[in-house]
Protein backbone atom coordinates (compact mmCIF):
# COMPACT_ATOMS: atom_id res chain seq x y z
CA MET A 1 -57.82 83.51 -97.39
CA MET A 2 -58.50 83.83 -92.83
CA LYS A 3 -60.47 80.72 -93.97
CA LEU A 4 -57.55 79.45 -94.43
CA THR A 5 -55.32 80.76 -92.03
CA ILE A 6 -57.34 79.68 -88.98
CA LEU A 7 -57.98 75.71 -90.99
CA ALA A 8 -53.58 75.15 -91.29
CA ALA A 9 -53.51 76.82 -87.55
CA LEU A 10 -55.67 74.02 -85.80
CA THR A 11 -54.81 71.60 -88.07
CA GLY A 12 -51.11 72.37 -86.82
CA THR A 13 -52.42 72.72 -83.36
CA ALA A 14 -53.99 69.20 -83.39
CA ALA A 15 -50.53 67.33 -84.69
CA ALA A 16 -49.03 68.64 -81.69
CA PHE A 17 -51.27 67.17 -79.33
CA ALA A 18 -51.00 63.64 -81.37
CA PRO A 19 -48.60 61.45 -80.57
CA SER A 20 -46.09 59.86 -82.75
CA ALA A 21 -46.17 56.85 -84.84
CA SER A 22 -42.42 56.60 -83.12
CA ASN A 23 -42.89 56.64 -80.18
CA VAL A 24 -46.53 54.15 -80.24
CA ALA A 25 -44.19 51.32 -82.27
CA SER A 26 -41.90 51.71 -78.86
CA THR A 27 -44.45 51.61 -76.51
CA THR A 28 -45.83 48.42 -78.04
CA GLY A 29 -42.58 46.56 -78.77
CA LEU A 30 -41.72 47.23 -74.32
CA ARG A 31 -45.45 46.10 -73.89
CA MET A 32 -45.11 42.82 -75.77
CA SER A 33 -41.39 42.33 -74.59
CA ASP A 34 -43.21 42.69 -71.14
CA GLU A 35 -45.76 40.11 -72.25
CA THR A 36 -43.11 37.50 -73.25
CA THR A 37 -41.02 37.90 -70.59
CA VAL A 38 -44.12 36.93 -67.89
CA ILE A 39 -45.12 34.13 -70.06
CA GLU A 40 -41.36 32.17 -70.84
CA GLU A 41 -40.58 32.57 -66.88
CA PRO A 42 -43.32 30.11 -64.96
CA ALA A 43 -42.89 27.56 -68.55
CA VAL A 44 -39.45 27.36 -67.79
CA ASP A 45 -40.27 26.63 -63.93
CA ASN A 46 -42.79 23.81 -65.09
CA ALA A 47 -40.65 22.18 -67.01
CA ALA A 48 -37.83 22.09 -64.31
CA ALA A 49 -40.04 21.05 -61.59
CA LEU A 50 -41.21 17.99 -64.04
CA ILE A 51 -38.49 16.95 -65.08
CA GLU A 52 -37.15 16.76 -60.81
CA GLU A 53 -40.73 14.50 -60.49
CA GLU A 54 -40.11 12.53 -63.22
CA THR A 55 -36.56 11.67 -62.11
CA PRO A 56 -36.22 8.43 -59.60
CA VAL A 57 -35.05 8.80 -55.98
CA THR A 58 -33.20 6.61 -55.45
CA PRO A 59 -32.92 5.29 -51.61
CA PRO A 60 -29.32 4.94 -50.06
CA ALA A 61 -27.78 1.55 -49.71
CA MET A 62 -28.18 -0.11 -45.85
CA VAL A 63 -25.04 -1.26 -44.92
CA ILE A 64 -24.96 -3.82 -42.52
CA ASN A 65 -21.93 -5.22 -40.77
CA GLY A 66 -20.15 -2.95 -44.03
CA TRP A 67 -22.16 -5.26 -46.65
CA SER A 68 -24.30 -3.53 -49.00
CA ALA A 69 -26.76 -5.17 -51.28
CA ASP A 70 -25.52 -5.31 -55.06
CA ALA A 71 -27.67 -6.94 -57.15
CA ALA A 72 -25.22 -6.95 -59.77
CA LEU A 73 -22.69 -9.18 -57.55
CA PRO A 74 -23.31 -13.31 -56.74
CA LEU A 75 -25.61 -13.49 -53.36
CA HIS A 76 -25.63 -9.77 -53.40
CA GLY A 77 -22.06 -9.55 -52.87
CA LEU A 78 -22.35 -11.49 -49.70
CA PRO A 79 -18.80 -12.88 -48.58
CA GLY A 80 -18.38 -16.26 -48.69
CA ALA A 81 -16.47 -16.54 -52.38
CA ILE A 82 -13.39 -18.29 -51.78
CA ALA A 83 -10.45 -19.73 -54.59
CA PRO A 84 -10.11 -21.71 -55.95
CA LEU A 85 -13.93 -22.13 -56.88
CA GLY A 86 -14.45 -18.51 -56.13
CA PHE A 87 -18.78 -18.26 -55.86
CA PHE A 88 -19.46 -22.27 -56.39
CA ASP A 89 -23.60 -22.74 -57.01
CA PRO A 90 -23.31 -25.49 -59.51
CA LEU A 91 -27.31 -25.83 -59.44
CA GLY A 92 -28.14 -22.34 -59.42
CA PHE A 93 -30.04 -21.53 -56.02
CA SER A 94 -29.11 -18.29 -55.79
CA LYS A 95 -29.79 -17.77 -60.01
CA ASP A 96 -32.11 -13.88 -59.89
CA ALA A 97 -32.71 -14.30 -56.41
CA ASP A 98 -33.98 -11.49 -54.93
CA LEU A 99 -32.31 -9.61 -51.88
CA ASN A 100 -34.61 -11.48 -49.26
CA THR A 101 -34.23 -14.82 -50.88
CA ALA A 102 -30.14 -14.86 -50.93
CA LYS A 103 -30.21 -13.44 -47.20
CA ARG A 104 -32.82 -16.68 -46.46
CA LEU A 105 -29.85 -19.17 -48.70
CA ARG A 106 -26.71 -17.10 -46.85
CA GLU A 107 -28.81 -17.94 -43.39
CA ALA A 108 -29.73 -21.14 -44.08
CA GLU A 109 -26.35 -21.87 -44.61
CA ILE A 110 -24.77 -20.57 -42.02
CA MET A 111 -27.06 -22.41 -39.47
CA HIS A 112 -26.56 -25.66 -40.68
CA GLY A 113 -22.84 -24.88 -40.63
CA ARG A 114 -22.86 -24.41 -37.16
CA VAL A 115 -24.46 -27.43 -36.38
CA ALA A 116 -22.31 -29.18 -38.23
CA MET A 117 -19.34 -28.04 -36.68
CA MET A 118 -20.77 -28.59 -33.21
CA ALA A 119 -21.91 -32.20 -34.71
CA THR A 120 -18.59 -33.12 -35.40
CA ILE A 121 -17.06 -32.23 -31.48
CA GLY A 122 -20.26 -34.21 -30.48
CA TYR A 123 -19.19 -37.41 -32.73
CA ILE A 124 -16.06 -37.42 -31.59
CA ILE A 125 -16.56 -36.26 -27.55
CA GLY A 126 -19.64 -38.32 -27.08
CA GLU A 127 -18.50 -42.11 -28.19
CA SER A 128 -14.33 -41.87 -27.25
CA THR A 129 -14.49 -40.03 -23.82
CA PRO A 130 -14.90 -41.34 -20.19
CA THR A 131 -18.88 -40.27 -19.65
CA ILE A 132 -21.53 -40.98 -16.50
CA THR A 133 -22.94 -43.41 -18.52
CA TYR A 134 -20.44 -45.42 -20.07
CA GLY A 135 -17.76 -45.34 -17.24
CA MET A 136 -14.17 -45.38 -18.54
CA ASP A 137 -14.48 -47.26 -22.02
CA VAL A 138 -14.27 -45.43 -24.40
CA HIS A 139 -14.77 -47.64 -27.16
CA HIS A 140 -18.90 -47.50 -26.40
CA THR A 141 -21.79 -47.20 -28.21
CA ILE A 142 -21.56 -45.41 -31.94
CA ALA A 143 -23.21 -41.83 -32.22
CA ASN A 144 -25.66 -43.26 -34.12
CA ASN A 145 -26.81 -45.27 -31.33
CA GLN A 146 -26.85 -43.20 -28.64
CA ILE A 147 -30.14 -41.54 -28.50
CA PRO A 148 -32.36 -44.19 -27.79
CA GLU A 149 -30.60 -45.18 -24.78
CA VAL A 150 -30.85 -41.50 -23.43
CA PRO A 151 -33.65 -41.52 -20.75
CA GLY A 152 -36.79 -38.68 -21.82
CA THR A 153 -36.19 -37.30 -18.31
CA VAL A 154 -32.69 -36.26 -20.08
CA LEU A 155 -34.34 -35.60 -23.69
CA PHE A 156 -37.17 -33.69 -22.90
CA PRO A 157 -35.14 -30.85 -21.25
CA PHE A 158 -32.55 -30.91 -23.95
CA PHE A 159 -35.47 -30.64 -27.22
CA LEU A 160 -36.80 -28.17 -25.12
CA ALA A 161 -33.68 -26.23 -25.09
CA ILE A 162 -33.73 -26.56 -28.72
CA ASN A 163 -36.88 -25.16 -29.68
CA ILE A 164 -36.37 -21.96 -27.22
CA ALA A 165 -33.20 -21.26 -28.43
CA GLU A 166 -34.56 -21.30 -32.07
CA ALA A 167 -37.94 -19.20 -30.96
CA LEU A 168 -35.43 -16.32 -30.27
CA ARG A 169 -33.37 -16.76 -33.16
CA ALA A 170 -36.50 -16.42 -34.96
CA SER A 171 -37.55 -13.49 -33.22
CA VAL A 172 -34.33 -11.66 -33.99
CA GLY A 173 -33.81 -11.65 -37.62
CA TRP A 174 -37.78 -13.75 -39.04
CA VAL A 175 -40.57 -11.29 -39.92
CA GLU A 176 -43.67 -12.09 -37.82
CA PRO A 177 -46.52 -14.05 -39.44
CA GLY A 178 -49.08 -11.98 -40.59
CA LEU A 179 -46.57 -8.90 -40.83
CA GLY A 180 -45.05 -9.81 -43.88
CA PRO A 181 -44.64 -12.30 -46.29
CA LEU A 182 -43.99 -15.92 -45.16
CA PHE A 183 -40.35 -17.00 -44.69
CA SER A 184 -39.21 -12.89 -45.10
CA LEU A 185 -35.89 -11.72 -43.03
CA ARG A 186 -36.00 -8.36 -40.91
CA GLU A 187 -34.80 -5.49 -43.46
CA LYS A 188 -32.06 -4.84 -40.78
CA TYR A 189 -30.85 -7.87 -40.25
CA TYR A 190 -27.22 -9.71 -41.31
CA PRO A 191 -27.98 -13.44 -42.09
CA GLY A 192 -26.46 -15.54 -38.94
CA ASP A 193 -25.55 -12.43 -36.74
CA ILE A 194 -28.73 -13.12 -33.53
CA GLY A 195 -26.21 -10.83 -31.38
CA PHE A 196 -25.04 -13.80 -29.58
CA ASP A 197 -21.06 -12.99 -28.76
CA PRO A 198 -20.22 -13.48 -25.18
CA PHE A 199 -16.48 -13.23 -26.01
CA GLY A 200 -16.66 -10.00 -27.96
CA LEU A 201 -14.98 -11.97 -31.37
CA LYS A 202 -16.83 -9.65 -33.57
CA PRO A 203 -14.66 -7.50 -35.98
CA LYS A 204 -15.79 -4.23 -36.14
CA ASP A 205 -13.89 -3.36 -39.34
CA ALA A 206 -15.41 -4.14 -41.74
CA LYS A 207 -12.72 -6.08 -43.95
CA ASP A 208 -11.71 -7.90 -41.00
CA PHE A 209 -15.72 -9.03 -40.11
CA ALA A 210 -16.40 -9.93 -44.27
CA ASN A 211 -12.92 -12.46 -43.51
CA MET A 212 -14.00 -14.15 -40.34
CA GLN A 213 -17.71 -14.64 -42.45
CA THR A 214 -15.86 -16.17 -44.56
CA LYS A 215 -13.53 -18.30 -42.57
CA GLU A 216 -16.86 -19.46 -40.74
CA LEU A 217 -18.69 -20.37 -43.57
CA SER A 218 -15.81 -22.50 -45.13
CA ASN A 219 -15.28 -24.08 -41.48
CA GLY A 220 -19.02 -24.95 -41.39
CA ARG A 221 -19.27 -26.01 -44.94
CA LEU A 222 -16.54 -28.59 -43.81
CA ALA A 223 -17.95 -29.80 -41.12
CA MET A 224 -21.58 -30.75 -43.05
CA LEU A 225 -18.98 -32.71 -45.08
CA ALA A 226 -17.83 -34.51 -41.99
CA ALA A 227 -20.92 -34.85 -40.29
CA ALA A 228 -22.05 -36.28 -42.93
CA GLY A 229 -19.64 -38.91 -43.86
CA MET A 230 -18.85 -39.52 -40.30
CA CYS A 231 -22.43 -40.82 -40.07
CA VAL A 232 -22.58 -42.72 -43.44
CA GLN A 233 -19.54 -44.60 -42.15
CA GLU A 234 -20.77 -45.49 -38.57
CA GLN A 235 -24.24 -47.10 -40.87
CA VAL A 236 -21.50 -49.03 -42.77
CA ASN A 237 -19.27 -50.67 -40.61
CA GLY A 238 -20.87 -49.83 -36.84
CA GLN A 239 -17.55 -48.72 -35.30
CA GLY A 240 -16.53 -45.73 -34.04
CA ILE A 241 -15.13 -42.43 -35.47
CA LEU A 242 -11.77 -43.08 -33.32
CA GLU A 243 -12.42 -46.34 -33.64
CA ASN A 244 -12.34 -46.77 -37.65
CA LEU A 245 -8.95 -45.24 -37.42
CA GLY A 246 -7.22 -46.92 -35.43
CA PHE A 247 -7.32 -45.08 -32.19
């Protein structure tokens, strides 16, 4: 009887020091919860980092004289489309043109327009005004035949000045050979804007600049047609421009 009493007392004492099942389960649950939290947080951060890395960064569009290139517009949005025809390119020279090609086409158009505007004035003044060479007779040699009559000592500095002007223009707007693809314009160069504005006529407002650029292009296009017509007319009948009109 005494042995049974001692055994029961020892069993109760041992049970008092043993952890309960509920405490073990609770502790295990807390540990699992802590471990889950530690694992999930970096996973979310890694996913966010991957999304940021995969998202392409679009560089801001460069604005030059108020114009920023837009590939969705004809000729990347350069001014020059006028009513009633709007953007007129029947032969599709600018179709699928990249930005550099679009700028190069506009550069060629505006520079040829400027030369043609000077040529139309030159035709009329050169053959219909009193000069040192031809005296007061305004119906002298037609413009097409005047160059062969100009002495070489005058032509040489004239063509030298043209070469210097073209070299300066190229240095402003064009990438040097060997430093990039051939026939490439500088990224920050606006077609035709070589910085020559002695009278300060260039507008500072973007809308006014686009309007003036459109007017210059329109006059240049008309002048190219006019210069070509003058040349053909003189070749056909051998008369000066004003003489052919009866003046």
